[in-house]
Amino acid sequence: ERKKETEVLFIDEESGTKTNMQLQDVVRLAVEKKLDPVMVAPDAEVPVMKLMDYRKVRHQMLKKAKEHSKTASTLALKEVRLGLNVGKSDLDRLLKQASEFLEKGHRVKLFMRL
């Protein structure tokens, strides 16, 4: 069971100063500045809070996640197929192709047909 904290360590966005404040004062300040009070480190001995535009921060996080998913999806699984009677030159070409895929960051699956 966790008791409700009344005193928090407040970090001012503009000056970067850290001040011990009452939770109700932080909320009042947030209403005055039209910002959201965000608990940055709730598990600390004295919880740490900041004021920020949470919608803007959330938008940036979603934008980063979307950008990351774009790059993750472009790195596909590439398949290199080998036959039983593949010649030396063909094998060299396929291995070179597989190494190029690996250098670009793709995953490579070697498939041997019998």
C-alpha atoms as a PDB file:
ATOM      1  CA  GLU A   1       0.000   0.000   0.000  1.00  0.00           C
ATOM      2  CA  ARG A   2       1.411   3.339  -1.045  1.00  0.00           C
ATOM      3  CA  LYS A   3       0.582   6.505   0.822  1.00  0.00           C
ATOM      4  CA  LYS A   4      -0.401   9.572  -1.130  1.00  0.00           C
ATOM      5  CA  GLU A   5       2.571  11.902  -1.473  1.00  0.00           C
ATOM      6  CA  THR A   6       2.012  15.562  -0.662  1.00  0.00           C
ATOM      7  CA  GLU A   7       5.525  16.882  -1.304  1.00  0.00           C
ATOM      8  CA  VAL A   8       7.278  16.474  -4.644  1.00  0.00           C
ATOM      9  CA  LEU A   9      10.517  17.610  -6.239  1.00  0.00           C
ATOM     10  CA  PHE A  10       9.467  20.043  -8.969  1.00  0.00           C
ATOM     11  CA  ILE A  11      11.725  20.687 -11.972  1.00  0.00           C
ATOM     12  CA  ASP A  12      11.033  23.991 -13.707  1.00  0.00           C
ATOM     13  CA  GLU A  13      11.178  23.618 -17.500  1.00  0.00           C
ATOM     14  CA  GLU A  14      12.345  27.175 -18.176  1.00  0.00           C
ATOM     15  CA  SER A  15      15.126  27.577 -15.627  1.00  0.00           C
ATOM     16  CA  GLY A  16      15.831  23.920 -14.839  1.00  0.00           C
ATOM     17  CA  THR A  17      15.781  24.611 -11.100  1.00  0.00           C
ATOM     18  CA  LYS A  18      14.702  21.878  -8.697  1.00  0.00           C
ATOM     19  CA  THR A  19      12.434  22.845  -5.815  1.00  0.00           C
ATOM     20  CA  ASN A  20      10.552  20.905  -3.161  1.00  0.00           C
ATOM     21  CA  MET A  21       6.893  21.894  -3.480  1.00  0.00           C
ATOM     22  CA  GLN A  22       3.523  20.740  -2.279  1.00  0.00           C
ATOM     23  CA  LEU A  23       1.613  18.696  -4.839  1.00  0.00           C
ATOM     24  CA  GLN A  24      -1.340  21.092  -4.772  1.00  0.00           C
ATOM     25  CA  ASP A  25       1.008  24.010  -5.586  1.00  0.00           C
ATOM     26  CA  VAL A  26       2.373  22.148  -8.600  1.00  0.00           C
ATOM     27  CA  VAL A  27      -1.172  21.470  -9.826  1.00  0.00           C
ATOM     28  CA  ARG A  28      -2.132  25.125  -9.308  1.00  0.00           C
ATOM     29  CA  LEU A  29       0.973  26.245 -11.244  1.00  0.00           C
ATOM     30  CA  ALA A  30       0.096  23.821 -14.051  1.00  0.00           C
ATOM     31  CA  VAL A  31      -3.403  25.297 -14.333  1.00  0.00           C
ATOM     32  CA  GLU A  32      -1.961  28.828 -14.439  1.00  0.00           C
ATOM     33  CA  LYS A  33       0.533  27.944 -17.193  1.00  0.00           C
ATOM     34  CA  LYS A  34      -2.005  25.731 -19.028  1.00  0.00           C
ATOM     35  CA  LEU A  35       0.370  22.757 -18.948  1.00  0.00           C
ATOM     36  CA  ASP A  36       0.077  19.202 -17.667  1.00  0.00           C
ATOM     37  CA  PRO A  37       1.788  18.097 -14.431  1.00  0.00           C
ATOM     38  CA  VAL A  38       3.703  14.914 -15.257  1.00  0.00           C
ATOM     39  CA  MET A  39       5.312  12.672 -12.667  1.00  0.00           C
ATOM     40  CA  VAL A  40       8.727  11.863 -14.138  1.00  0.00           C
ATOM     41  CA  ALA A  41      10.065   9.632 -11.350  1.00  0.00           C
ATOM     42  CA  PRO A  42       7.173   8.353  -9.227  1.00  0.00           C
ATOM     43  CA  ASP A  43       9.255   5.659  -7.504  1.00  0.00           C
ATOM     44  CA  ALA A  44      11.911   8.026  -6.185  1.00  0.00           C
ATOM     45  CA  GLU A  45      12.139   8.766  -2.472  1.00  0.00           C
ATOM     46  CA  VAL A  46      10.612  12.159  -3.228  1.00  0.00           C
ATOM     47  CA  PRO A  47       8.559  11.929  -6.463  1.00  0.00           C
ATOM     48  CA  VAL A  48       9.785  14.154  -9.287  1.00  0.00           C
ATOM     49  CA  MET A  49       7.353  16.236 -11.360  1.00  0.00           C
ATOM     50  CA  LYS A  50       7.597  18.480 -14.409  1.00  0.00           C
ATOM     51  CA  LEU A  51       5.155  20.673 -16.277  1.00  0.00           C
ATOM     52  CA  MET A  52       4.849  19.946 -19.986  1.00  0.00           C
ATOM     53  CA  ASP A  53       2.401  19.951 -22.849  1.00  0.00           C
ATOM     54  CA  TYR A  54       1.626  16.247 -22.722  1.00  0.00           C
ATOM     55  CA  ARG A  55      -0.248  16.236 -26.041  1.00  0.00           C
ATOM     56  CA  LYS A  56       2.863  17.580 -27.764  1.00  0.00           C
ATOM     57  CA  VAL A  57       5.115  15.014 -26.056  1.00  0.00           C
ATOM     58  CA  ARG A  58       2.710  12.179 -26.912  1.00  0.00           C
ATOM     59  CA  HIS A  59       2.556  13.348 -30.536  1.00  0.00           C
ATOM     60  CA  GLN A  60       6.364  13.292 -30.733  1.00  0.00           C
ATOM     61  CA  MET A  61       6.493   9.789 -29.203  1.00  0.00           C
ATOM     62  CA  LEU A  62       3.911   8.499 -31.696  1.00  0.00           C
ATOM     63  CA  LYS A  63       5.795  10.146 -34.557  1.00  0.00           C
ATOM     64  CA  LYS A  64       9.041   8.446 -33.457  1.00  0.00           C
ATOM     65  CA  ALA A  65       7.295   5.080 -33.145  1.00  0.00           C
ATOM     66  CA  LYS A  66       5.781   5.471 -36.601  1.00  0.00           C
ATOM     67  CA  GLU A  67       9.176   6.382 -38.073  1.00  0.00           C
ATOM     68  CA  HIS A  68      10.763   3.399 -36.337  1.00  0.00           C
ATOM     69  CA  SER A  69       8.105   1.042 -37.680  1.00  0.00           C
ATOM     70  CA  LYS A  70       8.763   2.334 -41.207  1.00  0.00           C
ATOM     71  CA  THR A  71      12.453   1.471 -41.003  1.00  0.00           C
ATOM     72  CA  ALA A  72      11.773  -1.856 -39.303  1.00  0.00           C
ATOM     73  CA  SER A  73       9.373  -2.959 -42.025  1.00  0.00           C
ATOM     74  CA  THR A  74      11.792  -2.124 -44.855  1.00  0.00           C
ATOM     75  CA  LEU A  75      14.334  -4.597 -43.490  1.00  0.00           C
ATOM     76  CA  ALA A  76      12.722  -7.728 -44.823  1.00  0.00           C
ATOM     77  CA  LEU A  77      13.658 -11.372 -44.741  1.00  0.00           C
ATOM     78  CA  LYS A  78      15.580 -12.182 -47.917  1.00  0.00           C
ATOM     79  CA  GLU A  79      15.691 -15.733 -49.187  1.00  0.00           C
ATOM     80  CA  VAL A  80      18.553 -17.269 -51.152  1.00  0.00           C
ATOM     81  CA  ARG A  81      17.719 -20.593 -52.825  1.00  0.00           C
ATOM     82  CA  LEU A  82      20.349 -23.195 -53.532  1.00  0.00           C
ATOM     83  CA  GLY A  83      19.933 -26.350 -55.586  1.00  0.00           C
ATOM     84  CA  LEU A  84      21.690 -29.676 -55.226  1.00  0.00           C
ATOM     85  CA  ASN A  85      23.687 -29.352 -58.427  1.00  0.00           C
ATOM     86  CA  VAL A  86      24.667 -25.702 -58.088  1.00  0.00           C
ATOM     87  CA  GLY A  87      27.948 -24.810 -59.783  1.00  0.00           C
ATOM     88  CA  LYS A  88      30.912 -23.089 -58.140  1.00  0.00           C
ATOM     89  CA  SER A  89      30.298 -19.750 -59.895  1.00  0.00           C
ATOM     90  CA  ASP A  90      26.579 -19.809 -59.060  1.00  0.00           C
ATOM     91  CA  LEU A  91      27.363 -20.594 -55.426  1.00  0.00           C
ATOM     92  CA  ASP A  92      29.833 -17.694 -55.272  1.00  0.00           C
ATOM     93  CA  ARG A  93      27.228 -15.347 -56.787  1.00  0.00           C
ATOM     94  CA  LEU A  94      24.538 -16.453 -54.321  1.00  0.00           C
ATOM     95  CA  LEU A  95      26.890 -16.110 -51.343  1.00  0.00           C
ATOM     96  CA  LYS A  96      27.916 -12.643 -52.501  1.00  0.00           C
ATOM     97  CA  GLN A  97      24.252 -11.699 -52.827  1.00  0.00           C
ATOM     98  CA  ALA A  98      23.524 -13.022 -49.322  1.00  0.00           C
ATOM     99  CA  SER A  99      26.442 -11.071 -47.845  1.00  0.00           C
ATOM    100  CA  GLU A 100      25.190  -7.869 -49.538  1.00  0.00           C
ATOM    101  CA  PHE A 101      21.760  -8.415 -47.978  1.00  0.00           C
ATOM    102  CA  LEU A 102      23.395  -8.858 -44.556  1.00  0.00           C
ATOM    103  CA  GLU A 103      25.467  -5.677 -44.985  1.00  0.00           C
ATOM    104  CA  LYS A 104      22.263  -3.730 -45.697  1.00  0.00           C
ATOM    105  CA  GLY A 105      20.812  -5.054 -42.440  1.00  0.00           C
ATOM    106  CA  HIS A 106      18.357  -7.548 -43.909  1.00  0.00           C
ATOM    107  CA  ARG A 107      17.837 -10.999 -42.469  1.00  0.00           C
ATOM    108  CA  VAL A 108      18.806 -13.834 -44.818  1.00  0.00           C
ATOM    109  CA  LYS A 109      17.294 -17.311 -45.056  1.00  0.00           C
ATOM    110  CA  LEU A 110      19.227 -19.944 -47.014  1.00  0.00           C
ATOM    111  CA  PHE A 111      16.904 -22.446 -48.662  1.00  0.00           C
ATOM    112  CA  MET A 112      18.259 -25.642 -50.181  1.00  0.00           C
ATOM    113  CA  ARG A 113      16.075 -27.480 -52.694  1.00  0.00           C
ATOM    114  CA  LEU A 114      16.604 -31.226 -52.896  1.00  0.00           C
END
